[in-house]
């Protein structure tokens, strides 16, 4: 069986298990999404109480529904959030506790993030202390499976290209226990997660760490360049590195802790 087909079958098994057990939450249908689930808030609290998240000043988070409680909790706890816009179509949104003050619930939603936060350029990306990603399935070793479009991998690759994350930057996710599976096949662009929080446990992954050093242009479908302006900008920078600006020191800080 080829890798993509095997990944698809893992996704479908997870979607069916979540629906059959009654833990799947809207938006529905969950197939084709990072699935929302009962207990997402408990998983968020468990992850937010972990040392790396406690120490972090800046957390990068995906915009999907099951991570909304985590985004709200982090803002309430004084963390700055960098949020990917859906499908990376408009790049990234910066949300500070000051911007969100009194509107944490609103700011943690996609629509609210656009209202409360502000879109930022690549040169404005701060140093990220922890990257949070949505998942359809994970293994206890840290293998991860998204919904199949590759946006989380692209987010990581873009952050790596501009120096906002390094190989040591922890990657975390929140999932339901039914999303923890035995095996997920890997492709070269896939990233692993270090921390997995479920409603009832925290898993510290012990498998091989895989981190692409940047965008794998040779594997990238050309359609992404037309749909994601920041990728086009990065490609221009790669073609003309002498024209690329360094990130202003005012937007960067050392890794917390």
C-alpha atoms as a PDB file:
ATOM      1  CA  UNK A   1       0.000   0.000   0.000  1.00  0.00           C
ATOM      2  CA  UNK A   2       1.382   3.426  -0.854  1.00  0.00           C
ATOM      3  CA  UNK A   3       1.968   5.974   1.900  1.00  0.00           C
ATOM      4  CA  UNK A   4      -0.761   8.422   0.892  1.00  0.00           C
ATOM      5  CA  UNK A   5      -3.381   5.683   0.721  1.00  0.00           C
ATOM      6  CA  UNK A   6      -2.284   4.309   4.090  1.00  0.00           C
ATOM      7  CA  UNK A   7      -2.512   7.806   5.610  1.00  0.00           C
ATOM      8  CA  UNK A   8      -6.008   8.217   4.191  1.00  0.00           C
ATOM      9  CA  UNK A   9      -7.121   4.947   5.755  1.00  0.00           C
ATOM     10  CA  UNK A  10      -5.727   5.979   9.154  1.00  0.00           C
ATOM     11  CA  UNK A  11      -7.655   9.269   8.926  1.00  0.00           C
ATOM     12  CA  UNK A  12     -10.888   7.540   8.026  1.00  0.00           C
ATOM     13  CA  UNK A  13     -10.532   5.037  10.894  1.00  0.00           C
ATOM     14  CA  UNK A  14     -10.052   7.913  13.344  1.00  0.00           C
ATOM     15  CA  UNK A  15     -12.996   9.879  11.958  1.00  0.00           C
ATOM     16  CA  UNK A  16     -15.240   6.803  12.209  1.00  0.00           C
ATOM     17  CA  UNK A  17     -14.081   6.080  15.775  1.00  0.00           C
ATOM     18  CA  UNK A  18     -14.773   9.641  16.923  1.00  0.00           C
ATOM     19  CA  UNK A  19     -18.243   9.636  15.377  1.00  0.00           C
ATOM     20  CA  UNK A  20     -19.147   6.142  16.602  1.00  0.00           C
ATOM     21  CA  UNK A  21     -18.119   6.967  20.181  1.00  0.00           C
ATOM     22  CA  UNK A  22     -20.144  10.194  20.218  1.00  0.00           C
ATOM     23  CA  UNK A  23     -17.184  12.442  21.053  1.00  0.00           C
ATOM     24  CA  UNK A  24     -17.017  14.286  17.710  1.00  0.00           C
ATOM     25  CA  UNK A  25     -18.166  17.912  17.933  1.00  0.00           C
ATOM     26  CA  UNK A  26     -19.061  20.515  15.279  1.00  0.00           C
ATOM     27  CA  UNK A  27     -18.013  21.735  12.807  1.00  0.00           C
ATOM     28  CA  UNK A  28     -19.276  18.725  10.895  1.00  0.00           C
ATOM     29  CA  UNK A  29     -18.774  16.644   8.921  1.00  0.00           C
ATOM     30  CA  UNK A  30     -15.460  16.040  10.678  1.00  0.00           C
ATOM     31  CA  UNK A  31     -13.972  14.175   7.698  1.00  0.00           C
ATOM     32  CA  UNK A  32     -11.505  16.430   5.947  1.00  0.00           C
ATOM     33  CA  UNK A  33     -10.979  18.560   9.067  1.00  0.00           C
ATOM     34  CA  UNK A  34      -8.857  18.658  12.185  1.00  0.00           C
ATOM     35  CA  UNK A  35     -11.673  17.102  14.226  1.00  0.00           C
ATOM     36  CA  UNK A  36     -13.179  18.894  17.192  1.00  0.00           C
ATOM     37  CA  UNK A  37     -13.888  16.657  20.177  1.00  0.00           C
ATOM     38  CA  UNK A  38     -15.429  16.468  23.635  1.00  0.00           C
ATOM     39  CA  UNK A  39     -12.698  17.160  26.152  1.00  0.00           C
ATOM     40  CA  UNK A  40     -10.780  19.654  23.998  1.00  0.00           C
ATOM     41  CA  UNK A  41     -10.811  22.175  26.861  1.00  0.00           C
ATOM     42  CA  UNK A  42      -9.454  19.568  29.295  1.00  0.00           C
ATOM     43  CA  UNK A  43      -6.692  18.677  26.838  1.00  0.00           C
ATOM     44  CA  UNK A  44      -5.911  22.392  26.487  1.00  0.00           C
ATOM     45  CA  UNK A  45      -5.579  22.806  30.257  1.00  0.00           C
ATOM     46  CA  UNK A  46      -3.329  19.767  30.436  1.00  0.00           C
ATOM     47  CA  UNK A  47      -1.027  21.094  27.718  1.00  0.00           C
ATOM     48  CA  UNK A  48      -1.014  24.660  29.061  1.00  0.00           C
ATOM     49  CA  UNK A  49       0.132  23.314  32.438  1.00  0.00           C
ATOM     50  CA  UNK A  50       3.199  21.662  30.943  1.00  0.00           C
ATOM     51  CA  UNK A  51       6.584  23.267  31.635  1.00  0.00           C
ATOM     52  CA  UNK A  52       7.443  24.362  28.093  1.00  0.00           C
ATOM     53  CA  UNK A  53       4.084  26.123  27.741  1.00  0.00           C
ATOM     54  CA  UNK A  54       4.356  27.733  31.177  1.00  0.00           C
ATOM     55  CA  UNK A  55       7.780  29.183  30.297  1.00  0.00           C
ATOM     56  CA  UNK A  56       6.850  30.224  26.761  1.00  0.00           C
ATOM     57  CA  UNK A  57       6.280  33.866  25.932  1.00  0.00           C
ATOM     58  CA  UNK A  58       5.283  33.339  22.274  1.00  0.00           C
ATOM     59  CA  UNK A  59       3.247  30.359  21.083  1.00  0.00           C
ATOM     60  CA  UNK A  60       2.422  29.621  17.464  1.00  0.00           C
ATOM     61  CA  UNK A  61      -0.984  27.949  17.107  1.00  0.00           C
ATOM     62  CA  UNK A  62      -3.082  26.550  14.292  1.00  0.00           C
ATOM     63  CA  UNK A  63      -6.548  28.090  13.716  1.00  0.00           C
ATOM     64  CA  UNK A  64      -8.635  24.899  14.004  1.00  0.00           C
ATOM     65  CA  UNK A  65     -11.636  24.427  16.314  1.00  0.00           C
ATOM     66  CA  UNK A  66     -10.220  21.866  18.795  1.00  0.00           C
ATOM     67  CA  UNK A  67      -7.341  24.226  19.643  1.00  0.00           C
ATOM     68  CA  UNK A  68      -9.614  27.236  20.268  1.00  0.00           C
ATOM     69  CA  UNK A  69      -9.800  26.582  24.047  1.00  0.00           C
ATOM     70  CA  UNK A  70      -5.994  26.452  24.151  1.00  0.00           C
ATOM     71  CA  UNK A  71      -5.674  29.748  22.287  1.00  0.00           C
ATOM     72  CA  UNK A  72      -8.053  31.403  24.762  1.00  0.00           C
ATOM     73  CA  UNK A  73      -6.269  29.935  27.773  1.00  0.00           C
ATOM     74  CA  UNK A  74      -2.842  31.028  26.544  1.00  0.00           C
ATOM     75  CA  UNK A  75      -4.029  34.583  25.933  1.00  0.00           C
ATOM     76  CA  UNK A  76      -5.565  34.688  29.419  1.00  0.00           C
ATOM     77  CA  UNK A  77      -2.228  33.551  30.821  1.00  0.00           C
ATOM     78  CA  UNK A  78      -0.368  36.406  29.180  1.00  0.00           C
ATOM     79  CA  UNK A  79       1.112  34.615  26.178  1.00  0.00           C
ATOM     80  CA  UNK A  80       1.551  36.235  22.787  1.00  0.00           C
ATOM     81  CA  UNK A  81       0.024  34.131  20.012  1.00  0.00           C
ATOM     82  CA  UNK A  82       1.001  33.847  16.385  1.00  0.00           C
ATOM     83  CA  UNK A  83      -1.864  32.248  14.521  1.00  0.00           C
ATOM     84  CA  UNK A  84      -1.871  30.861  11.011  1.00  0.00           C
ATOM     85  CA  UNK A  85      -4.716  32.142   8.865  1.00  0.00           C
ATOM     86  CA  UNK A  86      -6.852  29.383   7.322  1.00  0.00           C
ATOM     87  CA  UNK A  87      -4.935  27.679   4.507  1.00  0.00           C
ATOM     88  CA  UNK A  88      -2.217  30.316   5.060  1.00  0.00           C
ATOM     89  CA  UNK A  89      -4.069  32.416   2.496  1.00  0.00           C
ATOM     90  CA  UNK A  90      -3.377  35.648   4.396  1.00  0.00           C
ATOM     91  CA  UNK A  91      -0.239  34.604   6.217  1.00  0.00           C
ATOM     92  CA  UNK A  92      -0.117  35.063   9.975  1.00  0.00           C
ATOM     93  CA  UNK A  93      -1.962  36.974  12.710  1.00  0.00           C
ATOM     94  CA  UNK A  94      -0.286  38.369  15.826  1.00  0.00           C
ATOM     95  CA  UNK A  95      -2.351  38.435  19.024  1.00  0.00           C
ATOM     96  CA  UNK A  96      -0.969  39.918  22.228  1.00  0.00           C
ATOM     97  CA  UNK A  97      -2.633  39.767  25.663  1.00  0.00           C
ATOM     98  CA  UNK A  98      -3.031  43.549  25.464  1.00  0.00           C
ATOM     99  CA  UNK A  99      -4.903  43.358  22.181  1.00  0.00           C
ATOM    100  CA  UNK A 100      -7.135  40.602  23.540  1.00  0.00           C
ATOM    101  CA  UNK A 101      -7.756  42.058  27.005  1.00  0.00           C
ATOM    102  CA  UNK A 102     -11.409  41.556  27.919  1.00  0.00           C
ATOM    103  CA  UNK A 103     -12.037  39.784  24.602  1.00  0.00           C
ATOM    104  CA  UNK A 104     -10.125  36.547  25.060  1.00  0.00           C
ATOM    105  CA  UNK A 105     -12.970  34.309  23.906  1.00  0.00           C
ATOM    106  CA  UNK A 106     -13.542  36.387  20.788  1.00  0.00           C
ATOM    107  CA  UNK A 107      -9.820  36.649  20.011  1.00  0.00           C
ATOM    108  CA  UNK A 108      -9.429  32.867  20.183  1.00  0.00           C
ATOM    109  CA  UNK A 109     -11.821  32.343  17.256  1.00  0.00           C
ATOM    110  CA  UNK A 110     -10.773  32.700  13.635  1.00  0.00           C
ATOM    111  CA  UNK A 111     -13.170  35.558  12.919  1.00  0.00           C
ATOM    112  CA  UNK A 112     -12.307  37.269  16.192  1.00  0.00           C
ATOM    113  CA  UNK A 113      -8.564  36.940  15.629  1.00  0.00           C
ATOM    114  CA  UNK A 114      -8.901  38.958  12.435  1.00  0.00           C
ATOM    115  CA  UNK A 115     -10.794  41.662  14.358  1.00  0.00           C
ATOM    116  CA  UNK A 116      -8.660  41.759  17.504  1.00  0.00           C
ATOM    117  CA  UNK A 117      -5.207  40.887  16.188  1.00  0.00           C
ATOM    118  CA  UNK A 118      -3.263  42.131  13.197  1.00  0.00           C
ATOM    119  CA  UNK A 119      -1.832  40.516  10.112  1.00  0.00           C
ATOM    120  CA  UNK A 120       1.968  40.550  10.139  1.00  0.00           C
ATOM    121  CA  UNK A 121       4.676  40.318   7.515  1.00  0.00           C
ATOM    122  CA  UNK A 122       7.356  37.628   7.519  1.00  0.00           C
ATOM    123  CA  UNK A 123       9.863  40.136   8.888  1.00  0.00           C
ATOM    124  CA  UNK A 124       7.596  40.729  11.885  1.00  0.00           C
ATOM    125  CA  UNK A 125       7.404  37.096  13.013  1.00  0.00           C
ATOM    126  CA  UNK A 126       8.706  36.877  16.595  1.00  0.00           C
ATOM    127  CA  UNK A 127      10.816  34.049  17.950  1.00  0.00           C
ATOM    128  CA  UNK A 128       8.414  31.200  18.714  1.00  0.00           C
ATOM    129  CA  UNK A 129       8.919  29.242  21.937  1.00  0.00           C
ATOM    130  CA  UNK A 130       6.402  26.456  21.230  1.00  0.00           C
ATOM    131  CA  UNK A 131       4.570  25.501  18.038  1.00  0.00           C
ATOM    132  CA  UNK A 132       1.097  23.998  18.483  1.00  0.00           C
ATOM    133  CA  UNK A 133      -0.388  22.054  15.611  1.00  0.00           C
ATOM    134  CA  UNK A 134      -3.734  20.389  14.999  1.00  0.00           C
ATOM    135  CA  UNK A 135      -3.786  16.651  14.307  1.00  0.00           C
ATOM    136  CA  UNK A 136      -6.113  14.002  12.966  1.00  0.00           C
ATOM    137  CA  UNK A 137      -3.980  11.225  14.420  1.00  0.00           C
ATOM    138  CA  UNK A 138      -0.744  10.813  16.376  1.00  0.00           C
ATOM    139  CA  UNK A 139       1.328   7.964  17.758  1.00  0.00           C
ATOM    140  CA  UNK A 140       2.958   7.852  21.170  1.00  0.00           C
ATOM    141  CA  UNK A 141       6.301   8.023  19.337  1.00  0.00           C
ATOM    142  CA  UNK A 142       5.346  11.455  18.027  1.00  0.00           C
ATOM    143  CA  UNK A 143       4.355  10.655  14.446  1.00  0.00           C
ATOM    144  CA  UNK A 144       1.590  12.987  13.325  1.00  0.00           C
ATOM    145  CA  UNK A 145      -1.082  13.014  10.647  1.00  0.00           C
ATOM    146  CA  UNK A 146      -2.993  16.117   9.586  1.00  0.00           C
ATOM    147  CA  UNK A 147      -5.991  16.418   7.311  1.00  0.00           C
ATOM    148  CA  UNK A 148      -3.889  15.858   4.222  1.00  0.00           C
ATOM    149  CA  UNK A 149      -3.233  19.302   2.758  1.00  0.00           C
ATOM    150  CA  UNK A 150       0.193  19.869   4.295  1.00  0.00           C
ATOM    151  CA  UNK A 151      -0.498  23.272   5.827  1.00  0.00           C
ATOM    152  CA  UNK A 152       0.998  22.463   9.224  1.00  0.00           C
ATOM    153  CA  UNK A 153       4.193  21.256   7.585  1.00  0.00           C
ATOM    154  CA  UNK A 154       4.280  24.422   5.483  1.00  0.00           C
ATOM    155  CA  UNK A 155       3.780  26.577   8.590  1.00  0.00           C
ATOM    156  CA  UNK A 156       6.752  24.917  10.242  1.00  0.00           C
ATOM    157  CA  UNK A 157       8.879  25.155   7.100  1.00  0.00           C
ATOM    158  CA  UNK A 158       8.118  28.874   6.682  1.00  0.00           C
ATOM    159  CA  UNK A 159       8.898  29.580  10.340  1.00  0.00           C
ATOM    160  CA  UNK A 160      12.147  27.650   9.963  1.00  0.00           C
ATOM    161  CA  UNK A 161      13.082  29.543   6.795  1.00  0.00           C
ATOM    162  CA  UNK A 162      12.849  32.908   8.578  1.00  0.00           C
ATOM    163  CA  UNK A 163      14.465  31.701  11.788  1.00  0.00           C
ATOM    164  CA  UNK A 164      11.366  31.973  13.983  1.00  0.00           C
ATOM    165  CA  UNK A 165      11.777  28.329  15.077  1.00  0.00           C
ATOM    166  CA  UNK A 166      14.751  25.996  15.318  1.00  0.00           C
ATOM    167  CA  UNK A 167      15.114  22.238  15.422  1.00  0.00           C
ATOM    168  CA  UNK A 168      14.887  22.473  19.219  1.00  0.00           C
ATOM    169  CA  UNK A 169      11.568  24.348  19.279  1.00  0.00           C
ATOM    170  CA  UNK A 170       9.002  22.005  20.877  1.00  0.00           C
ATOM    171  CA  UNK A 171       5.994  21.005  18.772  1.00  0.00           C
ATOM    172  CA  UNK A 172       2.789  20.106  20.626  1.00  0.00           C
ATOM    173  CA  UNK A 173      -0.752  19.012  19.850  1.00  0.00           C
ATOM    174  CA  UNK A 174      -4.071  18.334  21.606  1.00  0.00           C
ATOM    175  CA  UNK A 175      -6.178  15.333  20.582  1.00  0.00           C
ATOM    176  CA  UNK A 176      -8.778  12.918  21.914  1.00  0.00           C
ATOM    177  CA  UNK A 177      -7.408   9.576  23.111  1.00  0.00           C
ATOM    178  CA  UNK A 178      -9.145   7.887  20.178  1.00  0.00           C
ATOM    179  CA  UNK A 179      -6.805   9.854  17.896  1.00  0.00           C
ATOM    180  CA  UNK A 180      -3.726   8.153  19.371  1.00  0.00           C
ATOM    181  CA  UNK A 181      -2.986   5.239  17.026  1.00  0.00           C
ATOM    182  CA  UNK A 182      -0.327   2.557  16.686  1.00  0.00           C
ATOM    183  CA  UNK A 183       1.262   3.499  13.364  1.00  0.00           C
ATOM    184  CA  UNK A 184       1.410   6.425  10.945  1.00  0.00           C
ATOM    185  CA  UNK A 185       3.590   6.228   7.814  1.00  0.00           C
ATOM    186  CA  UNK A 186       5.969   9.138   7.249  1.00  0.00           C
ATOM    187  CA  UNK A 187       6.970  11.237   4.242  1.00  0.00           C
ATOM    188  CA  UNK A 188      10.073  13.465   3.983  1.00  0.00           C
ATOM    189  CA  UNK A 189       8.207  16.716   4.714  1.00  0.00           C
ATOM    190  CA  UNK A 190       6.358  15.404   7.788  1.00  0.00           C
ATOM    191  CA  UNK A 191       7.127  16.801  11.232  1.00  0.00           C
ATOM    192  CA  UNK A 192       6.875  14.954  14.518  1.00  0.00           C
ATOM    193  CA  UNK A 193       5.363  16.262  17.744  1.00  0.00           C
ATOM    194  CA  UNK A 194       7.078  16.298  21.129  1.00  0.00           C
ATOM    195  CA  UNK A 195       4.050  16.737  23.388  1.00  0.00           C
ATOM    196  CA  UNK A 196       0.587  15.218  23.018  1.00  0.00           C
ATOM    197  CA  UNK A 197      -2.153  16.296  25.417  1.00  0.00           C
ATOM    198  CA  UNK A 198      -5.431  14.402  25.618  1.00  0.00           C
ATOM    199  CA  UNK A 199      -8.313  14.986  28.043  1.00  0.00           C
ATOM    200  CA  UNK A 200      -6.800  12.419  30.434  1.00  0.00           C
ATOM    201  CA  UNK A 201      -3.041  12.266  29.856  1.00  0.00           C
ATOM    202  CA  UNK A 202       0.106  13.988  28.627  1.00  0.00           C
ATOM    203  CA  UNK A 203       2.381  12.001  26.339  1.00  0.00           C
ATOM    204  CA  UNK A 204       6.017  12.980  25.911  1.00  0.00           C
ATOM    205  CA  UNK A 205       6.997  11.460  22.572  1.00  0.00           C
ATOM    206  CA  UNK A 206      10.121   9.303  22.566  1.00  0.00           C
ATOM    207  CA  UNK A 207      10.464   8.476  18.885  1.00  0.00           C
ATOM    208  CA  UNK A 208      12.767   9.854  16.208  1.00  0.00           C
ATOM    209  CA  UNK A 209      12.487  13.635  15.838  1.00  0.00           C
ATOM    210  CA  UNK A 210      11.884  14.773  12.258  1.00  0.00           C
ATOM    211  CA  UNK A 211      12.157  18.467  11.424  1.00  0.00           C
ATOM    212  CA  UNK A 212      12.511  19.782   7.844  1.00  0.00           C
ATOM    213  CA  UNK A 213      15.134  22.536   7.686  1.00  0.00           C
ATOM    214  CA  UNK A 214      12.865  24.678   5.542  1.00  0.00           C
ATOM    215  CA  UNK A 215      10.534  24.562   2.559  1.00  0.00           C
ATOM    216  CA  UNK A 216      11.182  21.544   0.339  1.00  0.00           C
ATOM    217  CA  UNK A 217      10.630  23.406  -2.897  1.00  0.00           C
ATOM    218  CA  UNK A 218      11.214  20.307  -5.000  1.00  0.00           C
ATOM    219  CA  UNK A 219       8.230  18.588  -3.339  1.00  0.00           C
ATOM    220  CA  UNK A 220       5.922  21.604  -3.343  1.00  0.00           C
ATOM    221  CA  UNK A 221       2.888  21.624  -5.606  1.00  0.00           C
ATOM    222  CA  UNK A 222       2.982  24.799  -7.713  1.00  0.00           C
ATOM    223  CA  UNK A 223      -0.626  25.600  -6.831  1.00  0.00           C
ATOM    224  CA  UNK A 224       0.477  26.479  -3.292  1.00  0.00           C
ATOM    225  CA  UNK A 225       2.575  29.333  -4.666  1.00  0.00           C
ATOM    226  CA  UNK A 226      -0.527  30.900  -6.200  1.00  0.00           C
ATOM    227  CA  UNK A 227      -2.645  30.354  -3.074  1.00  0.00           C
ATOM    228  CA  UNK A 228      -0.108  31.339  -0.390  1.00  0.00           C
ATOM    229  CA  UNK A 229       1.549  34.751  -0.929  1.00  0.00           C
ATOM    230  CA  UNK A 230       4.157  34.214   1.815  1.00  0.00           C
ATOM    231  CA  UNK A 231       5.478  31.219  -0.113  1.00  0.00           C
ATOM    232  CA  UNK A 232       5.893  33.337  -3.213  1.00  0.00           C
ATOM    233  CA  UNK A 233       7.765  35.895  -1.131  1.00  0.00           C
ATOM    234  CA  UNK A 234      10.041  33.212   0.302  1.00  0.00           C
ATOM    235  CA  UNK A 235      10.787  31.838  -3.142  1.00  0.00           C
ATOM    236  CA  UNK A 236      11.779  35.325  -4.327  1.00  0.00           C
ATOM    237  CA  UNK A 237      14.047  35.654  -1.295  1.00  0.00           C
ATOM    238  CA  UNK A 238      15.622  32.278  -2.065  1.00  0.00           C
ATOM    239  CA  UNK A 239      16.274  33.378  -5.630  1.00  0.00           C
ATOM    240  CA  UNK A 240      17.725  36.726  -4.501  1.00  0.00           C
ATOM    241  CA  UNK A 241      19.175  36.166  -1.015  1.00  0.00           C
ATOM    242  CA  UNK A 242      21.113  39.421  -1.161  1.00  0.00           C
ATOM    243  CA  UNK A 243      17.777  41.287  -1.214  1.00  0.00           C
ATOM    244  CA  UNK A 244      16.308  39.471   1.779  1.00  0.00           C
ATOM    245  CA  UNK A 245      16.156  41.601   4.890  1.00  0.00           C
ATOM    246  CA  UNK A 246      17.217  40.288   8.246  1.00  0.00           C
ATOM    247  CA  UNK A 247      14.547  40.119  10.901  1.00  0.00           C
ATOM    248  CA  UNK A 248      14.634  43.276  13.050  1.00  0.00           C
ATOM    249  CA  UNK A 249      16.139  42.536  16.450  1.00  0.00           C
ATOM    250  CA  UNK A 250      13.175  44.272  18.098  1.00  0.00           C
ATOM    251  CA  UNK A 251      10.870  41.471  17.001  1.00  0.00           C
ATOM    252  CA  UNK A 252      13.079  38.676  18.300  1.00  0.00           C
ATOM    253  CA  UNK A 253      13.991  37.418  21.724  1.00  0.00           C
ATOM    254  CA  UNK A 254      15.851  34.482  23.162  1.00  0.00           C
ATOM    255  CA  UNK A 255      14.028  31.218  23.859  1.00  0.00           C
ATOM    256  CA  UNK A 256      12.254  31.399  27.182  1.00  0.00           C
ATOM    257  CA  UNK A 257      13.738  29.200  29.871  1.00  0.00           C
END
